[in-house]
């Protein structure tokens, strides 16, 4: 992933398709840059899988901030990516009507 090109939206079995589409729709509507990623592990490598499996299930969507040198003294990210992630979350949450279903049915 590139620094400064927006947050990363991941596609994996840990991420609810409806949440993912809502995030992508908000990004398009508000011209918020983002990057696409496919999970490289069955569990995504984050807490998303554990959250998703809580109780009867929780719809999850992973939004990542691109970075370099994670967990070191010189870890870095581009603040524009963090700001875009906040805007993306804010606009997506603000668009909720309260009657959404996150059960992916075809």
C-alpha atoms as a PDB file:
ATOM      1  CA  UNK A   1       0.000   0.000   0.000  1.00  0.00           C
ATOM      2  CA  UNK A   2       1.099   3.522  -0.697  1.00  0.00           C
ATOM      3  CA  UNK A   3       1.429   6.209   1.932  1.00  0.00           C
ATOM      4  CA  UNK A   4      -0.784   9.197   1.128  1.00  0.00           C
ATOM      5  CA  UNK A   5      -3.184   7.300  -1.156  1.00  0.00           C
ATOM      6  CA  UNK A   6      -5.923   6.855   1.449  1.00  0.00           C
ATOM      7  CA  UNK A   7      -6.894   4.213   3.999  1.00  0.00           C
ATOM      8  CA  UNK A   8      -7.061   0.562   2.990  1.00  0.00           C
ATOM      9  CA  UNK A   9     -10.385  -1.272   2.701  1.00  0.00           C
ATOM     10  CA  UNK A  10      -9.859  -5.012   2.940  1.00  0.00           C
ATOM     11  CA  UNK A  11     -11.875  -7.738   1.267  1.00  0.00           C
ATOM     12  CA  UNK A  12     -11.848 -11.006   3.183  1.00  0.00           C
ATOM     13  CA  UNK A  13     -14.112 -13.497   4.889  1.00  0.00           C
ATOM     14  CA  UNK A  14     -13.751 -11.406   8.058  1.00  0.00           C
ATOM     15  CA  UNK A  15     -15.315  -8.352   6.441  1.00  0.00           C
ATOM     16  CA  UNK A  16     -19.045  -7.953   5.932  1.00  0.00           C
ATOM     17  CA  UNK A  17     -19.840  -7.247   2.263  1.00  0.00           C
ATOM     18  CA  UNK A  18     -22.611  -4.786   3.113  1.00  0.00           C
ATOM     19  CA  UNK A  19     -20.397  -2.715   5.426  1.00  0.00           C
ATOM     20  CA  UNK A  20     -17.684  -2.817   2.783  1.00  0.00           C
ATOM     21  CA  UNK A  21     -20.051  -1.579   0.090  1.00  0.00           C
ATOM     22  CA  UNK A  22     -21.344   1.182   2.365  1.00  0.00           C
ATOM     23  CA  UNK A  23     -17.778   2.365   2.960  1.00  0.00           C
ATOM     24  CA  UNK A  24     -16.991   2.284  -0.757  1.00  0.00           C
ATOM     25  CA  UNK A  25     -20.226   4.145  -1.562  1.00  0.00           C
ATOM     26  CA  UNK A  26     -19.359   6.861   0.966  1.00  0.00           C
ATOM     27  CA  UNK A  27     -15.862   7.144  -0.476  1.00  0.00           C
ATOM     28  CA  UNK A  28     -17.306   7.639  -3.961  1.00  0.00           C
ATOM     29  CA  UNK A  29     -19.982  10.097  -2.813  1.00  0.00           C
ATOM     30  CA  UNK A  30     -17.564  12.286  -0.837  1.00  0.00           C
ATOM     31  CA  UNK A  31     -14.512  11.766  -3.065  1.00  0.00           C
ATOM     32  CA  UNK A  32     -12.510  10.148  -0.261  1.00  0.00           C
ATOM     33  CA  UNK A  33      -9.423   8.323  -1.521  1.00  0.00           C
ATOM     34  CA  UNK A  34      -8.924   4.707  -0.470  1.00  0.00           C
ATOM     35  CA  UNK A  35      -6.952   1.639  -1.468  1.00  0.00           C
ATOM     36  CA  UNK A  36      -8.170  -1.930  -1.960  1.00  0.00           C
ATOM     37  CA  UNK A  37      -6.560  -4.972  -0.396  1.00  0.00           C
ATOM     38  CA  UNK A  38      -7.273  -8.675  -0.224  1.00  0.00           C
ATOM     39  CA  UNK A  39      -6.514 -10.350   3.091  1.00  0.00           C
ATOM     40  CA  UNK A  40      -3.367 -12.423   2.985  1.00  0.00           C
ATOM     41  CA  UNK A  41      -4.473 -14.728   5.825  1.00  0.00           C
ATOM     42  CA  UNK A  42      -7.637 -16.641   6.546  1.00  0.00           C
ATOM     43  CA  UNK A  43      -8.147 -14.540   9.691  1.00  0.00           C
ATOM     44  CA  UNK A  44      -6.925 -11.253   8.232  1.00  0.00           C
ATOM     45  CA  UNK A  45      -4.202 -10.842  10.865  1.00  0.00           C
ATOM     46  CA  UNK A  46      -6.284  -8.445  12.995  1.00  0.00           C
ATOM     47  CA  UNK A  47      -8.931  -8.634  15.724  1.00  0.00           C
ATOM     48  CA  UNK A  48     -11.616  -8.449  13.046  1.00  0.00           C
ATOM     49  CA  UNK A  49     -12.079 -12.235  13.007  1.00  0.00           C
ATOM     50  CA  UNK A  50     -12.503 -12.460  16.784  1.00  0.00           C
ATOM     51  CA  UNK A  51     -14.984  -9.570  16.803  1.00  0.00           C
ATOM     52  CA  UNK A  52     -16.937 -11.067  13.904  1.00  0.00           C
ATOM     53  CA  UNK A  53     -17.413 -14.332  15.796  1.00  0.00           C
ATOM     54  CA  UNK A  54     -18.610 -12.705  19.038  1.00  0.00           C
ATOM     55  CA  UNK A  55     -21.929 -14.091  20.303  1.00  0.00           C
ATOM     56  CA  UNK A  56     -24.292 -14.556  17.342  1.00  0.00           C
ATOM     57  CA  UNK A  57     -21.927 -12.630  15.074  1.00  0.00           C
ATOM     58  CA  UNK A  58     -20.984  -9.007  14.502  1.00  0.00           C
ATOM     59  CA  UNK A  59     -20.744  -7.367  11.081  1.00  0.00           C
ATOM     60  CA  UNK A  60     -17.186  -6.103  10.696  1.00  0.00           C
ATOM     61  CA  UNK A  61     -15.219  -4.052   8.191  1.00  0.00           C
ATOM     62  CA  UNK A  62     -11.494  -3.482   8.347  1.00  0.00           C
ATOM     63  CA  UNK A  63     -10.144  -0.013   7.598  1.00  0.00           C
ATOM     64  CA  UNK A  64      -6.365   0.193   7.828  1.00  0.00           C
ATOM     65  CA  UNK A  65      -3.953   3.115   7.852  1.00  0.00           C
ATOM     66  CA  UNK A  66      -0.985   2.375   5.571  1.00  0.00           C
ATOM     67  CA  UNK A  67       2.287   2.535   7.477  1.00  0.00           C
ATOM     68  CA  UNK A  68       5.931   1.620   7.370  1.00  0.00           C
ATOM     69  CA  UNK A  69       8.127  -0.003  10.039  1.00  0.00           C
ATOM     70  CA  UNK A  70       5.211  -1.074  12.260  1.00  0.00           C
ATOM     71  CA  UNK A  71       5.954  -1.674  15.950  1.00  0.00           C
ATOM     72  CA  UNK A  72       9.289   0.107  15.806  1.00  0.00           C
ATOM     73  CA  UNK A  73      10.579   3.442  17.056  1.00  0.00           C
ATOM     74  CA  UNK A  74      10.425   4.854  13.525  1.00  0.00           C
ATOM     75  CA  UNK A  75       6.929   3.709  12.502  1.00  0.00           C
ATOM     76  CA  UNK A  76       5.405   6.237  10.123  1.00  0.00           C
ATOM     77  CA  UNK A  77       2.193   6.995   8.321  1.00  0.00           C
ATOM     78  CA  UNK A  78       0.793   9.852   6.272  1.00  0.00           C
ATOM     79  CA  UNK A  79      -1.629  11.979   8.297  1.00  0.00           C
ATOM     80  CA  UNK A  80      -3.769  12.436   5.172  1.00  0.00           C
ATOM     81  CA  UNK A  81      -4.535   8.695   5.303  1.00  0.00           C
ATOM     82  CA  UNK A  82      -5.624   8.934   8.945  1.00  0.00           C
ATOM     83  CA  UNK A  83      -7.773  11.987   8.179  1.00  0.00           C
ATOM     84  CA  UNK A  84      -9.363  10.215   5.203  1.00  0.00           C
ATOM     85  CA  UNK A  85     -10.124   7.184   7.402  1.00  0.00           C
ATOM     86  CA  UNK A  86     -11.851   9.418   9.961  1.00  0.00           C
ATOM     87  CA  UNK A  87     -13.852  11.147   7.229  1.00  0.00           C
ATOM     88  CA  UNK A  88     -14.798   7.801   5.685  1.00  0.00           C
ATOM     89  CA  UNK A  89     -16.014   6.428   9.015  1.00  0.00           C
ATOM     90  CA  UNK A  90     -17.843   9.645   9.880  1.00  0.00           C
ATOM     91  CA  UNK A  91     -19.685   9.892   6.561  1.00  0.00           C
ATOM     92  CA  UNK A  92     -20.563   6.191   6.529  1.00  0.00           C
ATOM     93  CA  UNK A  93     -21.906   6.224  10.083  1.00  0.00           C
ATOM     94  CA  UNK A  94     -23.831   9.452   9.395  1.00  0.00           C
ATOM     95  CA  UNK A  95     -25.513   7.761   6.431  1.00  0.00           C
ATOM     96  CA  UNK A  96     -27.033   5.019   8.590  1.00  0.00           C
ATOM     97  CA  UNK A  97     -30.827   5.149   8.792  1.00  0.00           C
ATOM     98  CA  UNK A  98     -31.244   2.619  11.598  1.00  0.00           C
ATOM     99  CA  UNK A  99     -33.036  -0.035   9.576  1.00  0.00           C
ATOM    100  CA  UNK A 100     -30.026  -1.530   7.768  1.00  0.00           C
ATOM    101  CA  UNK A 101     -29.553  -5.254   7.591  1.00  0.00           C
ATOM    102  CA  UNK A 102     -25.993  -6.521   7.476  1.00  0.00           C
ATOM    103  CA  UNK A 103     -26.988 -10.069   6.566  1.00  0.00           C
ATOM    104  CA  UNK A 104     -25.492 -10.631   3.122  1.00  0.00           C
ATOM    105  CA  UNK A 105     -28.257 -12.291   1.124  1.00  0.00           C
ATOM    106  CA  UNK A 106     -28.016 -12.678  -2.619  1.00  0.00           C
END
